[in-house]
Amino acid sequence: MPTTLASEEHKVLRSAVAALGKRHGRTYDREALWAEAAKLGYLGVNLPEAYGGGGGGIAELSIVLEELGAAGCPLLMMVVSPAICGTVIARFGTEEQKQHWLPGLADGTRTMAFGITEPDAGSNSHRITTTARRDPDTGDWILTGRKVFISGVDIADATLIVGRTEDARTGNLKPCLFIVPRDAEGFTRHQIDMELNAAEKQFELTLDDVRLPADALVGDEDAGLLQLFAGLNPERIMTAAFAIGMGRYALARAVEYARDRTVWKAPIGSHQAIAHPLAQAHIDLELARLMMQKAALLYDAGDDVGAGEAANMAKYAAGEACVKAVDQAVHTLGGNGLTREFGLASLITAARVSRIAPVSREMILNYVSHQTLGLPKSY
């Protein structure tokens, strides 16, 4: 694993992915880009070589997503399929699960969605009500519950569902992960009508006594939160990459415009009222990227605790930097910032997603104040 933030391998990867993104551009076709990225080995760069992956880590995968975002063509399902689901299966899955899923996730021929959020639980994973119980006669699992704001279910072969099982010793419910095939009986989806214009759609899921074989469980039934956060930390890191890429795209459009747009015989970028906010946006994005790289390196080194803190901070910093960069880019272009030609208007809404999902900025502040600073818990 590279030990520096800008190793030669990372520079080469970043340059190659940037070239791919430039070829597809802002008006990209998601399926075509996904297929080409897969063919070039970028989608599975974090997965083990033994199962068709690149043998890298989240550091490398985050570079791929960031550079595609900076070219205006991010692939949201990279956050979910290889980063969350692929990582969890690679770390905790059985040999049969690895053989069945990882090669397809690596080469892009198979995708997997991730279902954790529920209508009444919000960011509180301890209040998840989707439950899994054993059939004493067959050993099958039976899942019942609801999920909401689940991305890409319509294009996924299966969904990694977070449910809860009863601890035989304490009677308390503990989180567990189950692979639910898209055609499982009792597993239905309903598309949520979003004003956000994105290639990947959002769904509400219903699990009505969905019967799964015993081997649908991923990992140890008693591992609980350890396995869950093995997926959630990469999710936060990849969301940061998504936001940083988006912010870089917006900033680049604004800088180009500020350099070329001439008013009163001078480029508008020569005025500090235009130049300084853009410079601040660049600084904020670079700082967020450093925290993202720290989080990825800690995670890839096996430091789950350290990665958890850094991943939350990276996600927070990137979301804030992205929103500011997009806002400043739109203001720099004025009315042109709202036209389809420049491709910035849609980012006004999209940028807010990086503040909200997969965990809100307020919950990250709760985490840092309590876990990092040692202040009394407020919730």
Protein backbone atom coordinates (compact mmCIF):
# COMPACT_ATOMS: atom_id res chain seq x y z
CA MET A 1 0.00 0.00 0.00
CA PRO A 2 1.38 3.47 -0.84
CA THR A 3 2.47 5.39 2.26
CA THR A 4 2.43 8.86 0.77
CA LEU A 5 -0.52 11.00 -0.21
CA ALA A 6 0.84 11.57 -3.72
CA SER A 7 2.71 8.40 -4.64
CA GLU A 8 3.72 7.86 -8.25
CA GLU A 9 1.03 5.17 -8.56
CA HIS A 10 -1.60 7.59 -7.32
CA LYS A 11 -0.45 10.29 -9.74
CA VAL A 12 -0.70 7.89 -12.67
CA LEU A 13 -4.13 6.66 -11.56
CA ARG A 14 -5.41 10.20 -11.07
CA SER A 15 -4.18 11.28 -14.52
CA ALA A 16 -5.66 8.25 -16.27
CA VAL A 17 -9.07 8.61 -14.62
CA ALA A 18 -9.10 12.35 -15.36
CA ALA A 19 -8.57 11.53 -19.03
CA LEU A 20 -11.45 9.06 -18.93
CA GLY A 21 -13.71 11.64 -17.32
CA LYS A 22 -12.74 14.27 -19.87
CA ARG A 23 -13.73 11.92 -22.70
CA HIS A 24 -17.22 11.50 -21.27
CA GLY A 25 -17.76 15.00 -19.85
CA ARG A 26 -20.77 16.58 -18.17
CA THR A 27 -23.31 15.07 -20.59
CA TYR A 28 -22.08 11.55 -19.89
CA ASP A 29 -24.06 8.37 -20.31
CA ARG A 30 -23.93 6.56 -16.95
CA GLU A 31 -24.04 3.04 -18.38
CA ALA A 32 -21.34 3.74 -20.98
CA LEU A 33 -19.03 5.36 -18.44
CA TRP A 34 -19.62 2.56 -15.92
CA ALA A 35 -18.76 -0.05 -18.55
CA GLU A 36 -15.56 1.70 -19.64
CA ALA A 37 -14.44 2.39 -16.07
CA ALA A 38 -15.02 -1.28 -15.30
CA LYS A 39 -13.10 -2.44 -18.37
CA LEU A 40 -10.14 -0.32 -17.32
CA GLY A 41 -10.21 -1.84 -13.83
CA TYR A 42 -11.22 1.32 -11.97
CA LEU A 43 -14.46 0.09 -10.38
CA GLY A 44 -12.78 -2.75 -8.52
CA VAL A 45 -9.46 -1.08 -7.77
CA ASN A 46 -10.08 -1.55 -4.02
CA LEU A 47 -11.06 -5.22 -4.17
CA PRO A 48 -8.67 -8.17 -3.69
CA GLU A 49 -6.73 -9.34 -6.72
CA ALA A 50 -7.70 -12.94 -5.95
CA TYR A 51 -11.29 -12.05 -6.87
CA GLY A 52 -10.59 -9.90 -9.93
CA GLY A 53 -9.95 -6.59 -8.19
CA GLY A 54 -6.99 -4.26 -8.34
CA GLY A 55 -5.64 -5.08 -4.90
CA GLY A 56 -5.68 -1.46 -3.76
CA GLY A 57 -7.84 0.19 -1.15
CA ILE A 58 -10.30 2.98 -0.47
CA ALA A 59 -7.49 5.48 -1.12
CA GLU A 60 -7.34 4.38 -4.74
CA LEU A 61 -11.11 4.09 -5.16
CA SER A 62 -11.62 7.59 -3.78
CA ILE A 63 -9.18 8.94 -6.38
CA VAL A 64 -11.29 7.37 -9.13
CA LEU A 65 -14.53 8.92 -7.88
CA GLU A 66 -12.97 12.31 -7.18
CA GLU A 67 -11.46 12.62 -10.65
CA LEU A 68 -14.66 11.52 -12.39
CA GLY A 69 -16.52 14.11 -10.34
CA ALA A 70 -13.99 16.78 -11.22
CA ALA A 71 -14.68 16.00 -14.89
CA GLY A 72 -18.40 16.43 -14.30
CA CYS A 73 -19.34 12.75 -14.52
CA PRO A 74 -19.38 11.17 -11.05
CA LEU A 75 -20.65 7.62 -10.59
CA LEU A 76 -22.69 7.59 -7.38
CA MET A 77 -22.97 3.79 -7.29
CA MET A 78 -19.21 3.61 -6.73
CA VAL A 79 -19.94 4.78 -3.19
CA VAL A 80 -22.28 1.85 -2.72
CA SER A 81 -21.34 -1.17 -4.82
CA PRO A 82 -17.52 -1.53 -4.59
CA ALA A 83 -16.89 0.75 -1.59
CA ILE A 84 -19.53 -0.40 0.90
CA CYS A 85 -20.78 -3.77 -0.31
CA GLY A 86 -17.54 -4.95 -1.89
CA THR A 87 -15.52 -3.97 1.16
CA VAL A 88 -17.89 -5.67 3.62
CA ILE A 89 -17.99 -8.90 1.62
CA ALA A 90 -14.22 -8.89 1.11
CA ARG A 91 -13.60 -8.43 4.84
CA PHE A 92 -16.34 -10.54 6.37
CA GLY A 93 -17.98 -12.67 3.70
CA THR A 94 -17.63 -16.42 3.36
CA GLU A 95 -15.46 -17.83 0.63
CA GLU A 96 -18.62 -18.71 -1.30
CA GLN A 97 -19.94 -15.14 -1.00
CA LYS A 98 -16.61 -13.73 -2.15
CA GLN A 99 -16.46 -16.04 -5.15
CA HIS A 100 -20.07 -15.30 -6.05
CA TRP A 101 -20.04 -11.50 -5.74
CA LEU A 102 -16.60 -9.91 -5.81
CA PRO A 103 -15.54 -10.71 -9.41
CA GLY A 104 -18.78 -9.19 -10.74
CA LEU A 105 -18.54 -6.14 -8.47
CA ALA A 106 -14.94 -5.68 -9.63
CA ASP A 107 -15.61 -5.89 -13.36
CA GLY A 108 -18.88 -3.94 -13.20
CA THR A 109 -21.10 -6.73 -14.49
CA ARG A 110 -22.87 -6.89 -11.13
CA THR A 111 -23.89 -4.13 -8.74
CA MET A 112 -25.17 -4.13 -5.21
CA ALA A 113 -27.19 -1.48 -3.39
CA PHE A 114 -27.01 -0.76 0.34
CA GLY A 115 -30.04 -0.42 2.58
CA ILE A 116 -29.69 1.08 6.04
CA THR A 117 -31.80 4.26 6.29
CA GLU A 118 -35.35 3.89 7.59
CA PRO A 119 -38.30 6.31 7.72
CA ASP A 120 -38.34 6.53 11.53
CA ALA A 121 -34.71 5.84 12.41
CA GLY A 122 -32.93 8.64 10.53
CA SER A 123 -29.25 8.67 11.45
CA ASN A 124 -29.79 6.47 14.51
CA SER A 125 -28.68 2.98 13.48
CA HIS A 126 -29.63 1.73 16.95
CA ARG A 127 -33.31 2.34 16.16
CA ILE A 128 -33.43 0.27 12.99
CA THR A 129 -36.66 -1.72 13.05
CA THR A 130 -35.99 -4.07 10.14
CA THR A 131 -35.74 -7.39 11.91
CA ALA A 132 -34.49 -10.83 10.94
CA ARG A 133 -35.63 -13.98 12.66
CA ARG A 134 -34.69 -17.61 12.17
CA ASP A 135 -37.13 -20.22 10.95
CA PRO A 136 -36.51 -22.96 13.51
CA ASP A 137 -37.49 -25.66 11.04
CA THR A 138 -35.40 -24.68 8.01
CA GLY A 139 -32.72 -22.35 9.40
CA ASP A 140 -33.80 -19.68 6.88
CA TRP A 141 -33.79 -16.00 7.76
CA ILE A 142 -37.06 -14.07 7.51
CA LEU A 143 -36.73 -10.29 7.12
CA THR A 144 -39.44 -7.72 7.79
CA GLY A 145 -39.14 -3.95 7.60
CA ARG A 146 -38.83 -0.81 5.49
CA LYS A 147 -35.97 1.22 4.06
CA VAL A 148 -35.97 4.66 2.44
CA PHE A 149 -33.65 6.74 0.21
CA ILE A 150 -31.87 3.69 -1.11
CA SER A 151 -29.88 4.47 -4.27
CA GLY A 152 -29.83 2.44 -7.46
CA VAL A 153 -32.00 -0.49 -6.37
CA ASP A 154 -33.48 -0.73 -9.86
CA ILE A 155 -30.08 -1.39 -11.43
CA ALA A 156 -28.67 -3.56 -8.62
CA ASP A 157 -28.59 -7.34 -8.64
CA ALA A 158 -29.04 -7.39 -4.87
CA THR A 159 -29.22 -5.08 -1.87
CA LEU A 160 -27.09 -5.43 1.25
CA ILE A 161 -29.72 -4.87 3.93
CA VAL A 162 -28.97 -3.84 7.50
CA GLY A 163 -31.35 -5.64 9.82
CA ARG A 164 -31.36 -6.59 13.47
CA THR A 165 -31.40 -9.98 15.11
CA GLU A 166 -32.05 -10.90 18.71
CA ASP A 167 -29.08 -11.75 20.88
CA ALA A 168 -29.83 -15.12 22.47
CA ARG A 169 -27.87 -14.17 25.61
CA THR A 170 -29.28 -10.71 26.31
CA GLY A 171 -32.46 -10.47 24.25
CA ASN A 172 -31.18 -7.18 22.81
CA LEU A 173 -31.30 -6.49 19.09
CA LYS A 174 -27.98 -6.28 17.25
CA PRO A 175 -27.25 -5.17 13.66
CA CYS A 176 -26.57 -7.80 10.99
CA LEU A 177 -26.09 -7.64 7.22
CA PHE A 178 -28.01 -9.70 4.67
CA ILE A 179 -27.73 -10.03 0.89
CA VAL A 180 -31.24 -9.74 -0.55
CA PRO A 181 -31.59 -10.60 -4.27
CA ARG A 182 -33.63 -8.12 -6.28
CA ASP A 183 -36.21 -10.78 -7.20
CA ALA A 184 -36.69 -12.13 -3.67
CA GLU A 185 -40.36 -12.77 -2.90
CA GLY A 186 -41.79 -10.06 -0.65
CA PHE A 187 -39.04 -7.59 -1.55
CA THR A 188 -40.63 -4.59 -3.29
CA ARG A 189 -39.48 -1.12 -4.23
CA HIS A 190 -41.19 2.21 -4.86
CA GLN A 191 -39.35 5.06 -6.58
CA ILE A 192 -39.29 8.32 -4.61
CA ASP A 193 -40.22 11.40 -6.63
CA MET A 194 -37.10 13.56 -6.25
CA GLU A 195 -36.54 17.05 -7.64
CA LEU A 196 -32.84 16.21 -7.66
CA ASN A 197 -31.91 15.30 -11.23
CA ALA A 198 -29.53 12.36 -10.93
CA ALA A 199 -28.84 9.28 -13.02
CA GLU A 200 -29.27 7.07 -9.95
CA LYS A 201 -32.82 6.96 -8.59
CA GLN A 202 -33.93 6.77 -4.96
CA PHE A 203 -36.29 4.12 -3.62
CA GLU A 204 -38.36 3.11 -0.65
CA LEU A 205 -38.11 -0.61 0.04
CA THR A 206 -40.52 -2.96 1.75
CA LEU A 207 -39.49 -6.35 3.11
CA ASP A 208 -42.59 -8.39 3.80
CA ASP A 209 -41.46 -11.67 5.36
CA VAL A 210 -38.63 -12.01 2.84
CA ARG A 211 -37.25 -15.53 3.21
CA LEU A 212 -33.50 -15.91 2.70
CA PRO A 213 -31.22 -18.92 3.01
CA ALA A 214 -28.90 -19.17 6.00
CA ASP A 215 -25.92 -18.15 3.87
CA ALA A 216 -27.50 -14.76 3.06
CA LEU A 217 -26.01 -13.48 6.31
CA VAL A 218 -22.69 -11.69 5.75
CA GLY A 219 -20.13 -12.19 8.46
CA ASP A 220 -20.50 -13.16 12.08
CA GLU A 221 -23.96 -12.83 13.59
CA ASP A 222 -22.36 -11.52 16.80
CA ALA A 223 -19.94 -8.99 15.25
CA GLY A 224 -22.63 -6.29 15.10
CA LEU A 225 -21.40 -2.73 14.75
CA LEU A 226 -17.85 -3.73 13.79
CA GLN A 227 -19.03 -5.13 10.47
CA LEU A 228 -21.53 -2.32 9.92
CA PHE A 229 -18.92 0.41 10.30
CA ALA A 230 -16.55 -1.49 8.06
CA GLY A 231 -18.96 -0.36 5.35
CA LEU A 232 -20.00 3.02 6.77
CA ASN A 233 -16.46 4.42 7.04
CA PRO A 234 -15.72 3.83 3.34
CA GLU A 235 -19.13 5.33 2.58
CA ARG A 236 -18.17 8.56 4.34
CA ILE A 237 -14.76 8.66 2.64
CA MET A 238 -16.28 8.08 -0.78
CA THR A 239 -18.98 10.69 -0.15
CA ALA A 240 -16.17 13.12 0.59
CA ALA A 241 -14.54 12.19 -2.72
CA PHE A 242 -17.88 12.70 -4.48
CA ALA A 243 -18.24 16.17 -2.92
CA ILE A 244 -14.65 17.23 -3.57
CA GLY A 245 -14.91 16.19 -7.21
CA MET A 246 -18.15 18.14 -7.59
CA GLY A 247 -16.63 21.19 -5.95
CA ARG A 248 -13.55 21.00 -8.17
CA TYR A 249 -15.73 20.81 -11.29
CA ALA A 250 -17.71 23.90 -10.27
CA LEU A 251 -14.58 25.82 -9.31
CA ALA A 252 -12.86 25.02 -12.61
CA ARG A 253 -15.84 26.35 -14.57
CA ALA A 254 -15.84 29.53 -12.49
CA VAL A 255 -12.09 30.10 -12.84
CA GLU A 256 -12.27 29.64 -16.61
CA TYR A 257 -15.16 32.10 -16.81
CA ALA A 258 -13.45 34.64 -14.52
CA ARG A 259 -10.32 34.48 -16.66
CA ASP A 260 -12.15 34.96 -19.97
CA ARG A 261 -15.07 37.24 -19.09
CA THR A 262 -14.05 40.88 -19.64
CA VAL A 263 -15.95 43.84 -18.18
CA TRP A 264 -14.60 47.40 -18.18
CA LYS A 265 -11.53 46.29 -20.16
CA ALA A 266 -10.33 43.73 -17.61
CA PRO A 267 -11.12 40.08 -16.86
CA ILE A 268 -13.49 39.87 -13.91
CA GLY A 269 -11.02 37.50 -12.25
CA SER A 270 -8.63 40.40 -11.79
CA HIS A 271 -10.98 41.86 -9.19
CA GLN A 272 -10.44 40.63 -5.64
CA ALA A 273 -14.18 40.45 -5.02
CA ILE A 274 -14.23 37.63 -7.59
CA ALA A 275 -10.74 36.17 -7.13
CA HIS A 276 -10.58 35.89 -3.34
CA PRO A 277 -13.76 33.84 -2.82
CA LEU A 278 -12.58 31.44 -5.54
CA ALA A 279 -9.20 31.16 -3.87
CA GLN A 280 -10.92 30.43 -0.55
CA ALA A 281 -13.03 27.76 -2.19
CA HIS A 282 -9.89 26.14 -3.59
CA ILE A 283 -8.22 26.17 -0.17
CA ASP A 284 -11.26 24.59 1.50
CA LEU A 285 -11.43 21.83 -1.11
CA GLU A 286 -7.72 21.07 -0.75
CA LEU A 287 -8.01 20.89 3.04
CA ALA A 288 -10.98 18.56 2.76
CA ARG A 289 -9.04 16.38 0.34
CA LEU A 290 -6.18 16.05 2.83
CA MET A 291 -8.56 14.84 5.53
CA MET A 292 -10.15 12.43 3.05
CA GLN A 293 -6.73 11.04 2.17
CA LYS A 294 -5.87 10.66 5.85
CA ALA A 295 -9.12 8.78 6.46
CA ALA A 296 -8.54 6.48 3.50
CA LEU A 297 -4.96 5.69 4.52
CA LEU A 298 -6.03 4.94 8.10
CA TYR A 299 -8.82 2.69 6.88
CA ASP A 300 -6.60 0.83 4.43
CA ALA A 301 -4.04 0.36 7.22
CA GLY A 302 -6.67 -1.39 9.34
CA ASP A 303 -7.15 1.40 11.90
CA ASP A 304 -10.96 1.33 12.03
CA VAL A 305 -11.19 3.60 15.08
CA GLY A 306 -8.89 6.27 13.70
CA ALA A 307 -10.52 5.99 10.29
CA GLY A 308 -13.96 6.49 11.81
CA GLU A 309 -13.04 9.86 13.28
CA ALA A 310 -11.19 11.00 10.14
CA ALA A 311 -13.91 9.74 7.79
CA ASN A 312 -16.57 11.75 9.61
CA MET A 313 -14.39 14.87 9.58
CA ALA A 314 -13.58 14.38 5.90
CA LYS A 315 -17.23 14.01 4.98
CA TYR A 316 -18.13 17.14 6.97
CA ALA A 317 -15.30 19.24 5.51
CA ALA A 318 -15.95 18.08 1.96
CA GLY A 319 -19.67 18.77 2.15
CA GLU A 320 -19.11 22.30 3.42
CA ALA A 321 -16.37 22.98 0.86
CA CYS A 322 -18.49 21.62 -1.98
CA VAL A 323 -21.52 23.78 -1.17
CA LYS A 324 -19.38 26.91 -0.89
CA ALA A 325 -17.55 26.16 -4.15
CA VAL A 326 -20.76 25.58 -6.08
CA ASP A 327 -22.41 28.69 -4.66
CA GLN A 328 -19.40 30.84 -5.49
CA ALA A 329 -19.14 29.38 -8.98
CA VAL A 330 -22.76 30.21 -9.72
CA HIS A 331 -22.34 33.75 -8.38
CA THR A 332 -19.20 34.21 -10.47
CA LEU A 333 -21.09 33.38 -13.65
CA GLY A 334 -24.16 35.40 -12.65
CA GLY A 335 -27.10 34.58 -14.89
CA ASN A 336 -24.95 32.21 -16.93
CA GLY A 337 -24.53 30.12 -13.79
CA LEU A 338 -28.17 29.11 -14.08
CA THR A 339 -28.05 28.07 -17.72
CA ARG A 340 -27.78 24.51 -18.97
CA GLU A 341 -24.77 25.47 -21.08
CA PHE A 342 -22.43 25.78 -18.11
CA GLY A 343 -23.76 22.80 -16.15
CA LEU A 344 -23.72 24.44 -12.72
CA ALA A 345 -27.37 25.01 -11.86
CA SER A 346 -28.09 21.33 -11.17
CA LEU A 347 -25.19 21.26 -8.73
CA ILE A 348 -26.92 23.76 -6.45
CA THR A 349 -29.23 20.98 -5.28
CA ALA A 350 -26.74 18.14 -5.69
CA ALA A 351 -24.16 19.86 -3.51
CA ARG A 352 -26.59 19.91 -0.58
CA VAL A 353 -26.76 16.12 -0.69
CA SER A 354 -23.15 15.97 0.45
CA ARG A 355 -24.19 17.85 3.59
CA ILE A 356 -27.18 15.60 4.26
CA ALA A 357 -26.19 12.08 3.26
CA PRO A 358 -25.18 9.53 4.36
CA VAL A 359 -25.05 11.26 7.73
CA SER A 360 -26.02 14.85 8.45
CA ARG A 361 -23.49 17.51 9.34
CA GLU A 362 -25.18 17.91 12.74
CA MET A 363 -24.69 14.23 13.60
CA ILE A 364 -21.02 14.52 12.65
CA LEU A 365 -20.68 17.49 14.99
CA ASN A 366 -22.36 15.38 17.69
CA TYR A 367 -19.84 12.61 17.01
CA VAL A 368 -16.81 14.89 17.16
CA SER A 369 -17.96 16.79 20.24
CA HIS A 370 -18.68 13.56 22.13
CA GLN A 371 -16.18 11.00 20.77
CA THR A 372 -13.23 13.30 20.02
CA LEU A 373 -13.57 16.14 22.49
CA GLY A 374 -15.08 14.08 25.31
CA LEU A 375 -18.01 16.41 25.89
CA PRO A 376 -21.26 15.06 27.40
CA LYS A 377 -23.50 13.26 24.93
CA SER A 378 -26.36 15.46 23.75
CA TYR A 379 -28.66 12.79 22.33
